Amino acid sequence: MEKAEIGRRIRAVRQRLRLSLRQVAAASQLSATHISEIERGHTFPTIGSLQRISEALGCEVHVFLEERWLPEVSCVRSAEAPTLPRDDESEPQVELLSEGIPGGKLAACRLRFRTRHAEPYVPSLGGEISGFVTSGSVTLLAGDGRHELSAGDGYHVPTGESHALLHEGSGETTVVVVATSD
């Protein structure tokens, strides 16, 4: 991570919160000059300084260190939803409905089963998973159970529970899935 990028992110959060350099300096017990130097990319903050600035801004340190800058609010338009590549045309199309926020622990996607899928599809998401069938029908295989779900039905699977979705019908089925990170 470049020091200039860390500084840009700190400035963006500070300005979004409408805080002056002096206010952040007082809250972090750092000098306004030092924070200004960091924001302009002239100096790299120490871990301690970055922790104090993060606390002064009311956010987690990783917000400034994540690989890519994430917005405070993630909006994905249906027509622009990124689609994950798939190995086989019989697998469902996976469209990302959220791209993440700083410190976010949720992910949402839409699964579109367009053809009969002979093998159970195992969503590669971690943590708790909840789904809602918006059209068609699908079979949830979870634990020792087999649950037939159709439009309007939902499900919730705890962390660590093995599960899969089986699309045995001929029509299109769409399932919206939300998962927490591990």
N, C-alpha and C. Protein backbone atom coordinates (compact mmCIF):
# COMPACT_ATOMS: atom_id res chain seq x y z
N MET A 1 0.84 -1.18 0.00
CA MET A 1 0.00 0.00 0.00
C MET A 1 0.89 1.24 0.00
N GLU A 2 0.63 2.12 -0.93
CA GLU A 2 1.40 3.36 -1.03
C GLU A 2 1.00 4.34 0.06
N LYS A 3 1.96 5.11 0.56
CA LYS A 3 1.64 6.08 1.60
C LYS A 3 0.67 7.14 1.08
N ALA A 4 0.77 7.48 -0.21
CA ALA A 4 -0.15 8.47 -0.78
C ALA A 4 -1.58 7.97 -0.75
N GLU A 5 -1.79 6.67 -0.99
CA GLU A 5 -3.15 6.10 -0.97
C GLU A 5 -3.72 6.09 0.44
N ILE A 6 -2.90 5.74 1.42
CA ILE A 6 -3.37 5.77 2.81
C ILE A 6 -3.78 7.19 3.17
N GLY A 7 -2.97 8.16 2.79
CA GLY A 7 -3.29 9.56 3.07
C GLY A 7 -4.58 10.00 2.40
N ARG A 8 -4.78 9.61 1.13
CA ARG A 8 -6.02 9.96 0.42
C ARG A 8 -7.24 9.38 1.13
N ARG A 9 -7.11 8.16 1.61
CA ARG A 9 -8.23 7.52 2.29
C ARG A 9 -8.54 8.21 3.61
N ILE A 10 -7.51 8.56 4.36
CA ILE A 10 -7.71 9.27 5.63
C ILE A 10 -8.40 10.61 5.36
N ARG A 11 -7.91 11.35 4.38
CA ARG A 11 -8.52 12.65 4.05
C ARG A 11 -9.98 12.47 3.63
N ALA A 12 -10.27 11.46 2.82
CA ALA A 12 -11.64 11.23 2.34
C ALA A 12 -12.58 10.97 3.52
N VAL A 13 -12.16 10.15 4.47
CA VAL A 13 -13.01 9.86 5.63
C VAL A 13 -13.15 11.11 6.49
N ARG A 14 -12.08 11.81 6.73
CA ARG A 14 -12.13 13.03 7.55
C ARG A 14 -13.07 14.05 6.93
N GLN A 15 -12.97 14.26 5.62
CA GLN A 15 -13.82 15.23 4.96
C GLN A 15 -15.28 14.78 4.92
N ARG A 16 -15.50 13.49 4.74
CA ARG A 16 -16.87 12.98 4.75
C ARG A 16 -17.52 13.22 6.10
N LEU A 17 -16.73 13.12 7.17
CA LEU A 17 -17.23 13.36 8.52
C LEU A 17 -17.27 14.85 8.88
N ARG A 18 -16.76 15.67 7.95
CA ARG A 18 -16.70 17.13 8.14
C ARG A 18 -15.91 17.51 9.39
N LEU A 19 -14.75 16.85 9.54
CA LEU A 19 -13.85 17.15 10.65
C LEU A 19 -12.65 17.91 10.13
N SER A 20 -12.20 18.86 10.92
CA SER A 20 -11.00 19.61 10.54
C SER A 20 -9.77 18.82 10.96
N LEU A 21 -8.63 19.21 10.42
CA LEU A 21 -7.37 18.59 10.84
C LEU A 21 -7.17 18.77 12.34
N ARG A 22 -7.51 19.95 12.85
CA ARG A 22 -7.33 20.23 14.29
C ARG A 22 -8.21 19.31 15.15
N GLN A 23 -9.42 19.05 14.69
CA GLN A 23 -10.30 18.17 15.46
C GLN A 23 -9.76 16.75 15.51
N VAL A 24 -9.27 16.26 14.38
CA VAL A 24 -8.69 14.91 14.34
C VAL A 24 -7.40 14.88 15.16
N ALA A 25 -6.62 15.95 15.07
CA ALA A 25 -5.38 16.03 15.83
C ALA A 25 -5.66 15.97 17.34
N ALA A 26 -6.65 16.72 17.78
CA ALA A 26 -6.98 16.72 19.21
C ALA A 26 -7.48 15.35 19.66
N ALA A 27 -8.33 14.72 18.86
CA ALA A 27 -8.88 13.42 19.23
C ALA A 27 -7.82 12.31 19.19
N SER A 28 -6.84 12.44 18.30
CA SER A 28 -5.82 11.40 18.15
C SER A 28 -4.56 11.68 18.95
N GLN A 29 -4.47 12.88 19.51
CA GLN A 29 -3.28 13.32 20.24
C GLN A 29 -2.04 13.32 19.35
N LEU A 30 -2.25 13.68 18.09
CA LEU A 30 -1.17 13.87 17.13
C LEU A 30 -1.24 15.32 16.67
N SER A 31 -0.18 15.81 16.07
CA SER A 31 -0.23 17.20 15.60
C SER A 31 -0.97 17.28 14.27
N ALA A 32 -1.62 18.42 14.06
CA ALA A 32 -2.32 18.65 12.80
C ALA A 32 -1.32 18.62 11.64
N THR A 33 -0.11 19.10 11.88
CA THR A 33 0.93 19.09 10.85
C THR A 33 1.26 17.65 10.45
N HIS A 34 1.39 16.78 11.43
CA HIS A 34 1.72 15.38 11.15
C HIS A 34 0.60 14.72 10.35
N ILE A 35 -0.63 14.95 10.74
CA ILE A 35 -1.77 14.36 10.02
C ILE A 35 -1.82 14.91 8.59
N SER A 36 -1.56 16.20 8.43
CA SER A 36 -1.53 16.81 7.10
C SER A 36 -0.45 16.17 6.24
N GLU A 37 0.72 15.92 6.81
CA GLU A 37 1.82 15.27 6.08
C GLU A 37 1.41 13.87 5.63
N ILE A 38 0.69 13.15 6.49
CA ILE A 38 0.21 11.80 6.14
C ILE A 38 -0.80 11.90 5.01
N GLU A 39 -1.77 12.82 5.15
CA GLU A 39 -2.82 12.97 4.14
C GLU A 39 -2.24 13.34 2.78
N ARG A 40 -1.20 14.13 2.75
CA ARG A 40 -0.60 14.54 1.48
C ARG A 40 0.38 13.52 0.94
N GLY A 41 0.56 12.41 1.66
CA GLY A 41 1.44 11.35 1.18
C GLY A 41 2.91 11.65 1.36
N HIS A 42 3.24 12.59 2.22
CA HIS A 42 4.64 12.94 2.44
C HIS A 42 5.31 12.06 3.48
N THR A 43 4.51 11.42 4.31
CA THR A 43 5.06 10.52 5.32
C THR A 43 4.13 9.34 5.51
N PHE A 44 4.71 8.22 5.90
CA PHE A 44 3.97 7.00 6.17
C PHE A 44 3.61 6.98 7.66
N PRO A 45 2.36 6.77 8.03
CA PRO A 45 2.03 6.73 9.46
C PRO A 45 2.56 5.45 10.10
N THR A 46 2.97 5.56 11.35
CA THR A 46 3.32 4.36 12.10
C THR A 46 2.02 3.62 12.41
N ILE A 47 2.13 2.37 12.82
CA ILE A 47 0.94 1.60 13.19
C ILE A 47 0.21 2.31 14.33
N GLY A 48 0.97 2.82 15.29
CA GLY A 48 0.37 3.54 16.42
C GLY A 48 -0.38 4.78 15.97
N SER A 49 0.23 5.55 15.08
CA SER A 49 -0.43 6.76 14.57
C SER A 49 -1.68 6.41 13.79
N LEU A 50 -1.58 5.39 12.96
CA LEU A 50 -2.73 4.99 12.16
C LEU A 50 -3.87 4.50 13.06
N GLN A 51 -3.53 3.79 14.12
CA GLN A 51 -4.54 3.33 15.08
C GLN A 51 -5.22 4.53 15.74
N ARG A 52 -4.45 5.53 16.15
CA ARG A 52 -5.02 6.71 16.82
C ARG A 52 -5.88 7.54 15.86
N ILE A 53 -5.44 7.66 14.61
CA ILE A 53 -6.24 8.39 13.61
C ILE A 53 -7.53 7.63 13.34
N SER A 54 -7.44 6.31 13.21
CA SER A 54 -8.63 5.49 12.96
C SER A 54 -9.64 5.66 14.08
N GLU A 55 -9.18 5.62 15.32
CA GLU A 55 -10.08 5.81 16.46
C GLU A 55 -10.70 7.20 16.44
N ALA A 56 -9.91 8.20 16.11
CA ALA A 56 -10.42 9.58 16.04
C ALA A 56 -11.49 9.71 14.96
N LEU A 57 -11.37 8.93 13.90
CA LEU A 57 -12.33 8.98 12.79
C LEU A 57 -13.47 7.97 12.98
N GLY A 58 -13.39 7.17 14.03
CA GLY A 58 -14.45 6.21 14.32
C GLY A 58 -14.52 5.04 13.36
N CYS A 59 -13.37 4.59 12.87
CA CYS A 59 -13.37 3.45 11.95
C CYS A 59 -12.21 2.52 12.28
N GLU A 60 -12.22 1.38 11.64
CA GLU A 60 -11.18 0.37 11.85
C GLU A 60 -9.95 0.69 11.01
N VAL A 61 -8.78 0.29 11.48
CA VAL A 61 -7.52 0.52 10.77
C VAL A 61 -7.55 -0.08 9.36
N HIS A 62 -8.14 -1.27 9.21
CA HIS A 62 -8.10 -1.95 7.92
C HIS A 62 -8.77 -1.14 6.81
N VAL A 63 -9.63 -0.20 7.16
CA VAL A 63 -10.27 0.65 6.15
C VAL A 63 -9.21 1.35 5.30
N PHE A 64 -8.11 1.70 5.92
CA PHE A 64 -7.05 2.43 5.22
C PHE A 64 -6.02 1.49 4.58
N LEU A 65 -6.09 0.21 4.92
CA LEU A 65 -5.08 -0.74 4.43
C LEU A 65 -5.62 -1.78 3.45
N GLU A 66 -6.94 -1.84 3.27
CA GLU A 66 -7.50 -2.84 2.36
C GLU A 66 -6.95 -2.67 0.96
N GLU A 67 -6.87 -3.79 0.25
CA GLU A 67 -6.28 -3.81 -1.09
C GLU A 67 -6.92 -2.78 -2.02
N ARG A 68 -8.24 -2.70 -1.97
CA ARG A 68 -8.89 -1.70 -2.79
C ARG A 68 -9.82 -0.88 -1.91
N TRP A 69 -9.95 0.36 -2.27
CA TRP A 69 -10.79 1.29 -1.52
C TRP A 69 -12.24 0.89 -1.70
N LEU A 70 -12.93 0.67 -0.60
CA LEU A 70 -14.33 0.28 -0.64
C LEU A 70 -15.19 1.47 -0.21
N PRO A 71 -16.31 1.66 -0.86
CA PRO A 71 -17.19 2.77 -0.49
C PRO A 71 -17.91 2.48 0.83
N GLU A 72 -18.39 3.52 1.49
CA GLU A 72 -19.15 3.35 2.73
C GLU A 72 -20.47 2.63 2.45
N VAL A 73 -21.03 2.88 1.27
CA VAL A 73 -22.28 2.23 0.87
C VAL A 73 -22.03 1.60 -0.50
N SER A 74 -22.35 0.32 -0.62
CA SER A 74 -22.14 -0.39 -1.88
C SER A 74 -23.48 -0.56 -2.58
N CYS A 75 -23.58 -0.03 -3.76
CA CYS A 75 -24.79 -0.21 -4.58
C CYS A 75 -24.38 -0.87 -5.89
N VAL A 76 -25.07 -1.93 -6.22
CA VAL A 76 -24.82 -2.63 -7.48
C VAL A 76 -26.14 -2.65 -8.25
N ARG A 77 -26.15 -2.05 -9.41
CA ARG A 77 -27.34 -2.02 -10.25
C ARG A 77 -27.51 -3.38 -10.92
N SER A 78 -28.75 -3.84 -11.02
CA SER A 78 -29.04 -5.16 -11.56
C SER A 78 -28.37 -5.40 -12.91
N ALA A 79 -28.45 -4.41 -13.79
CA ALA A 79 -27.89 -4.56 -15.13
C ALA A 79 -26.36 -4.56 -15.12
N GLU A 80 -25.75 -4.10 -14.03
CA GLU A 80 -24.29 -3.99 -13.95
C GLU A 80 -23.68 -4.99 -12.97
N ALA A 81 -24.48 -5.92 -12.46
CA ALA A 81 -23.99 -6.87 -11.47
C ALA A 81 -22.86 -7.72 -12.06
N PRO A 82 -21.69 -7.69 -11.42
CA PRO A 82 -20.59 -8.53 -11.91
C PRO A 82 -20.98 -10.01 -11.85
N THR A 83 -20.62 -10.75 -12.87
CA THR A 83 -20.93 -12.17 -12.96
C THR A 83 -19.65 -12.98 -12.82
N LEU A 84 -19.68 -13.97 -11.96
CA LEU A 84 -18.50 -14.81 -11.77
C LEU A 84 -18.39 -15.82 -12.90
N PRO A 85 -17.16 -16.16 -13.30
CA PRO A 85 -17.00 -17.17 -14.35
C PRO A 85 -17.45 -18.54 -13.83
N ARG A 86 -17.89 -19.39 -14.73
CA ARG A 86 -18.31 -20.73 -14.35
C ARG A 86 -17.64 -21.74 -15.26
N ASP A 87 -17.44 -22.95 -14.72
CA ASP A 87 -16.75 -24.02 -15.45
C ASP A 87 -17.67 -24.72 -16.44
N ASP A 88 -18.96 -24.72 -16.15
CA ASP A 88 -19.90 -25.54 -16.91
C ASP A 88 -21.18 -24.75 -17.09
N GLU A 89 -21.75 -24.79 -18.27
CA GLU A 89 -23.00 -24.06 -18.56
C GLU A 89 -24.16 -24.54 -17.71
N SER A 90 -24.09 -25.75 -17.19
CA SER A 90 -25.18 -26.24 -16.36
C SER A 90 -25.12 -25.67 -14.94
N GLU A 91 -23.98 -25.07 -14.56
CA GLU A 91 -23.87 -24.43 -13.25
C GLU A 91 -24.67 -23.14 -13.27
N PRO A 92 -25.13 -22.71 -12.10
CA PRO A 92 -25.88 -21.46 -12.08
C PRO A 92 -24.97 -20.26 -12.38
N GLN A 93 -25.58 -19.23 -12.93
CA GLN A 93 -24.87 -17.97 -13.12
C GLN A 93 -24.87 -17.27 -11.76
N VAL A 94 -23.72 -16.81 -11.30
CA VAL A 94 -23.61 -16.14 -10.01
C VAL A 94 -23.36 -14.66 -10.27
N GLU A 95 -24.30 -13.83 -9.83
CA GLU A 95 -24.19 -12.37 -9.99
C GLU A 95 -23.99 -11.76 -8.62
N LEU A 96 -22.97 -10.94 -8.47
CA LEU A 96 -22.69 -10.29 -7.19
C LEU A 96 -23.65 -9.12 -7.00
N LEU A 97 -24.33 -9.10 -5.87
CA LEU A 97 -25.28 -8.03 -5.58
C LEU A 97 -24.71 -7.00 -4.63
N SER A 98 -23.53 -7.29 -4.09
CA SER A 98 -22.83 -6.32 -3.25
C SER A 98 -21.34 -6.53 -3.48
N GLU A 99 -20.61 -5.43 -3.39
CA GLU A 99 -19.17 -5.54 -3.60
C GLU A 99 -18.38 -5.25 -2.34
N GLY A 100 -19.08 -5.09 -1.23
CA GLY A 100 -18.41 -4.90 0.04
C GLY A 100 -18.29 -3.46 0.47
N ILE A 101 -18.18 -3.29 1.78
CA ILE A 101 -17.94 -2.00 2.40
C ILE A 101 -16.80 -2.19 3.38
N PRO A 102 -16.16 -1.13 3.83
CA PRO A 102 -15.06 -1.30 4.78
C PRO A 102 -15.51 -2.05 6.03
N GLY A 103 -14.84 -3.12 6.35
CA GLY A 103 -15.16 -3.90 7.53
C GLY A 103 -16.42 -4.74 7.39
N GLY A 104 -16.99 -4.78 6.21
CA GLY A 104 -18.24 -5.50 6.01
C GLY A 104 -18.09 -6.99 6.22
N LYS A 105 -19.14 -7.60 6.71
CA LYS A 105 -19.12 -9.03 6.98
C LYS A 105 -20.21 -9.77 6.22
N LEU A 106 -20.88 -9.08 5.29
CA LEU A 106 -21.94 -9.69 4.50
C LEU A 106 -21.60 -9.65 3.02
N ALA A 107 -22.08 -10.65 2.32
CA ALA A 107 -21.98 -10.66 0.86
C ALA A 107 -23.32 -11.16 0.33
N ALA A 108 -23.74 -10.62 -0.79
CA ALA A 108 -25.01 -11.04 -1.38
C ALA A 108 -24.78 -11.37 -2.85
N CYS A 109 -25.48 -12.39 -3.31
CA CYS A 109 -25.39 -12.75 -4.73
C CYS A 109 -26.73 -13.33 -5.18
N ARG A 110 -26.89 -13.36 -6.49
CA ARG A 110 -28.09 -13.95 -7.10
C ARG A 110 -27.63 -15.16 -7.90
N LEU A 111 -28.25 -16.30 -7.66
CA LEU A 111 -27.96 -17.51 -8.41
C LEU A 111 -29.08 -17.70 -9.43
N ARG A 112 -28.69 -17.86 -10.69
CA ARG A 112 -29.68 -18.12 -11.74
C ARG A 112 -29.41 -19.51 -12.32
N PHE A 113 -30.32 -20.43 -12.00
CA PHE A 113 -30.25 -21.78 -12.56
C PHE A 113 -31.09 -21.74 -13.83
N ARG A 114 -30.45 -21.92 -14.98
CA ARG A 114 -31.18 -21.83 -16.25
C ARG A 114 -31.47 -23.19 -16.87
N THR A 115 -30.65 -24.16 -16.52
CA THR A 115 -30.86 -25.51 -17.04
C THR A 115 -30.87 -26.49 -15.87
N ARG A 116 -31.33 -27.69 -16.16
CA ARG A 116 -31.31 -28.73 -15.14
C ARG A 116 -29.86 -28.94 -14.70
N HIS A 117 -29.64 -29.02 -13.42
CA HIS A 117 -28.30 -29.20 -12.88
C HIS A 117 -28.27 -30.53 -12.14
N ALA A 118 -27.70 -31.54 -12.76
CA ALA A 118 -27.72 -32.90 -12.21
C ALA A 118 -26.92 -33.03 -10.91
N GLU A 119 -25.86 -32.25 -10.77
CA GLU A 119 -25.03 -32.30 -9.57
C GLU A 119 -25.44 -31.18 -8.62
N PRO A 120 -25.42 -31.44 -7.31
CA PRO A 120 -25.73 -30.37 -6.35
C PRO A 120 -24.71 -29.24 -6.48
N TYR A 121 -25.20 -28.00 -6.42
CA TYR A 121 -24.32 -26.83 -6.48
C TYR A 121 -24.03 -26.40 -5.04
N VAL A 122 -22.76 -26.34 -4.71
CA VAL A 122 -22.34 -25.93 -3.37
C VAL A 122 -21.86 -24.49 -3.44
N PRO A 123 -22.64 -23.54 -2.87
CA PRO A 123 -22.19 -22.14 -2.89
C PRO A 123 -20.88 -22.01 -2.13
N SER A 124 -19.91 -21.34 -2.73
CA SER A 124 -18.60 -21.18 -2.09
C SER A 124 -18.56 -19.89 -1.28
N LEU A 125 -19.42 -19.84 -0.29
CA LEU A 125 -19.49 -18.70 0.62
C LEU A 125 -19.23 -19.22 2.02
N GLY A 126 -18.62 -18.41 2.86
CA GLY A 126 -18.35 -18.83 4.23
C GLY A 126 -19.38 -18.30 5.19
N GLY A 127 -19.30 -18.72 6.43
CA GLY A 127 -20.18 -18.21 7.48
C GLY A 127 -21.61 -18.69 7.35
N GLU A 128 -22.51 -17.96 8.00
CA GLU A 128 -23.93 -18.27 7.90
C GLU A 128 -24.43 -17.91 6.51
N ILE A 129 -25.38 -18.70 6.04
CA ILE A 129 -25.94 -18.44 4.71
C ILE A 129 -27.46 -18.46 4.80
N SER A 130 -28.06 -17.47 4.18
CA SER A 130 -29.51 -17.40 4.10
C SER A 130 -29.88 -17.17 2.64
N GLY A 131 -30.94 -17.81 2.20
CA GLY A 131 -31.34 -17.67 0.82
C GLY A 131 -32.84 -17.47 0.70
N PHE A 132 -33.24 -16.89 -0.41
CA PHE A 132 -34.65 -16.64 -0.71
C PHE A 132 -34.89 -16.95 -2.17
N VAL A 133 -35.81 -17.87 -2.44
CA VAL A 133 -36.12 -18.26 -3.81
C VAL A 133 -37.08 -17.22 -4.38
N THR A 134 -36.64 -16.53 -5.42
CA THR A 134 -37.50 -15.49 -6.01
C THR A 134 -38.32 -16.01 -7.19
N SER A 135 -37.85 -17.08 -7.84
CA SER A 135 -38.63 -17.69 -8.92
C SER A 135 -38.20 -19.14 -9.09
N GLY A 136 -39.13 -19.97 -9.56
CA GLY A 136 -38.82 -21.37 -9.81
C GLY A 136 -38.80 -22.19 -8.54
N SER A 137 -38.05 -23.29 -8.58
CA SER A 137 -37.94 -24.18 -7.42
C SER A 137 -36.55 -24.81 -7.38
N VAL A 138 -36.12 -25.14 -6.19
CA VAL A 138 -34.80 -25.71 -5.97
C VAL A 138 -34.88 -26.61 -4.74
N THR A 139 -33.97 -27.56 -4.64
CA THR A 139 -33.91 -28.44 -3.48
C THR A 139 -32.68 -28.06 -2.66
N LEU A 140 -32.89 -27.81 -1.38
CA LEU A 140 -31.80 -27.53 -0.45
C LEU A 140 -31.41 -28.84 0.22
N LEU A 141 -30.15 -29.22 0.07
CA LEU A 141 -29.62 -30.39 0.75
C LEU A 141 -28.77 -29.86 1.90
N ALA A 142 -29.23 -30.03 3.13
CA ALA A 142 -28.52 -29.50 4.30
C ALA A 142 -28.56 -30.52 5.42
N GLY A 143 -27.37 -30.79 5.99
CA GLY A 143 -27.30 -31.82 7.02
C GLY A 143 -27.80 -33.13 6.45
N ASP A 144 -28.75 -33.74 7.12
CA ASP A 144 -29.33 -34.99 6.64
C ASP A 144 -30.65 -34.76 5.93
N GLY A 145 -31.03 -33.49 5.74
CA GLY A 145 -32.35 -33.20 5.18
C GLY A 145 -32.34 -32.80 3.72
N ARG A 146 -33.51 -32.95 3.13
CA ARG A 146 -33.75 -32.57 1.74
C ARG A 146 -35.00 -31.69 1.79
N HIS A 147 -34.87 -30.41 1.39
CA HIS A 147 -35.94 -29.45 1.53
C HIS A 147 -36.31 -28.88 0.16
N GLU A 148 -37.55 -29.12 -0.26
CA GLU A 148 -38.03 -28.61 -1.54
C GLU A 148 -38.49 -27.16 -1.33
N LEU A 149 -37.90 -26.24 -2.08
CA LEU A 149 -38.22 -24.83 -1.92
C LEU A 149 -38.73 -24.27 -3.24
N SER A 150 -39.72 -23.38 -3.17
CA SER A 150 -40.23 -22.73 -4.39
C SER A 150 -40.33 -21.23 -4.13
N ALA A 151 -40.71 -20.48 -5.16
CA ALA A 151 -40.77 -19.02 -5.08
C ALA A 151 -41.45 -18.57 -3.80
N GLY A 152 -40.79 -17.69 -3.09
CA GLY A 152 -41.31 -17.17 -1.83
C GLY A 152 -40.75 -17.86 -0.60
N ASP A 153 -40.09 -19.00 -0.78
CA ASP A 153 -39.52 -19.75 0.35
C ASP A 153 -38.10 -19.26 0.63
N GLY A 154 -37.70 -19.37 1.89
CA GLY A 154 -36.36 -18.98 2.29
C GLY A 154 -35.71 -20.07 3.12
N TYR A 155 -34.42 -19.93 3.36
CA TYR A 155 -33.69 -20.89 4.19
C TYR A 155 -32.55 -20.18 4.89
N HIS A 156 -32.03 -20.81 5.93
CA HIS A 156 -30.91 -20.26 6.72
C HIS A 156 -30.08 -21.46 7.18
N VAL A 157 -28.80 -21.43 6.87
CA VAL A 157 -27.89 -22.53 7.21
C VAL A 157 -26.79 -21.97 8.11
N PRO A 158 -26.55 -22.60 9.28
CA PRO A 158 -25.52 -22.09 10.18
C PRO A 158 -24.10 -22.30 9.64
N THR A 159 -23.18 -21.55 10.19
CA THR A 159 -21.77 -21.67 9.84
C THR A 159 -21.32 -23.11 10.01
N GLY A 160 -20.60 -23.62 9.03
CA GLY A 160 -20.03 -24.96 9.11
C GLY A 160 -20.95 -26.09 8.68
N GLU A 161 -22.23 -25.80 8.49
CA GLU A 161 -23.19 -26.83 8.06
C GLU A 161 -23.01 -27.07 6.57
N SER A 162 -22.79 -28.33 6.18
CA SER A 162 -22.66 -28.61 4.76
C SER A 162 -24.02 -28.46 4.10
N HIS A 163 -24.03 -27.91 2.92
CA HIS A 163 -25.29 -27.70 2.21
C HIS A 163 -25.01 -27.56 0.72
N ALA A 164 -26.06 -27.76 -0.07
CA ALA A 164 -25.95 -27.62 -1.52
C ALA A 164 -27.35 -27.35 -2.06
N LEU A 165 -27.39 -26.79 -3.26
CA LEU A 165 -28.65 -26.54 -3.95
C LEU A 165 -28.71 -27.44 -5.18
N LEU A 166 -29.86 -28.05 -5.39
CA LEU A 166 -30.03 -28.94 -6.52
C LEU A 166 -31.20 -28.43 -7.36
N HIS A 167 -30.92 -28.15 -8.63
CA HIS A 167 -31.96 -27.67 -9.54
C HIS A 167 -32.32 -28.80 -10.49
N GLU A 168 -33.47 -29.40 -10.25
CA GLU A 168 -33.88 -30.55 -11.05
C GLU A 168 -34.95 -30.20 -12.06
N GLY A 169 -35.46 -28.97 -11.99
CA GLY A 169 -36.52 -28.56 -12.91
C GLY A 169 -35.97 -28.12 -14.25
N SER A 170 -36.89 -27.84 -15.17
CA SER A 170 -36.47 -27.42 -16.51
C SER A 170 -36.53 -25.91 -16.68
N GLY A 171 -37.31 -25.23 -15.85
CA GLY A 171 -37.42 -23.78 -15.97
C GLY A 171 -36.34 -23.06 -15.20
N GLU A 172 -36.29 -21.74 -15.37
CA GLU A 172 -35.29 -20.95 -14.65
C GLU A 172 -35.69 -20.79 -13.19
N THR A 173 -34.69 -20.88 -12.32
CA THR A 173 -34.87 -20.66 -10.89
C THR A 173 -33.86 -19.61 -10.46
N THR A 174 -34.34 -18.65 -9.66
CA THR A 174 -33.46 -17.61 -9.15
C THR A 174 -33.51 -17.62 -7.63
N VAL A 175 -32.33 -17.61 -7.02
CA VAL A 175 -32.20 -17.61 -5.55
C VAL A 175 -31.27 -16.47 -5.18
N VAL A 176 -31.73 -15.62 -4.25
CA VAL A 176 -30.87 -14.56 -3.70
C VAL A 176 -30.26 -15.11 -2.41
N VAL A 177 -28.93 -15.05 -2.32
CA VAL A 177 -28.21 -15.62 -1.18
C VAL A 177 -27.42 -14.51 -0.49
N VAL A 178 -27.49 -14.50 0.85
CA VAL A 178 -26.72 -13.56 1.65
C VAL A 178 -25.90 -14.40 2.64
N ALA A 179 -24.62 -14.07 2.78
CA ALA A 179 -23.74 -14.85 3.65
C ALA A 179 -22.86 -13.92 4.48
N THR A 180 -22.52 -14.37 5.67
CA THR A 180 -21.57 -13.65 6.50
C THR A 180 -20.18 -14.21 6.23
N SER A 181 -19.16 -13.41 6.48
CA SER A 181 -17.80 -13.94 6.33
C SER A 181 -17.44 -14.71 7.58
N ASP A 182 -16.50 -15.62 7.44
CA ASP A 182 -16.08 -16.43 8.58
C ASP A 182 -15.40 -15.58 9.63
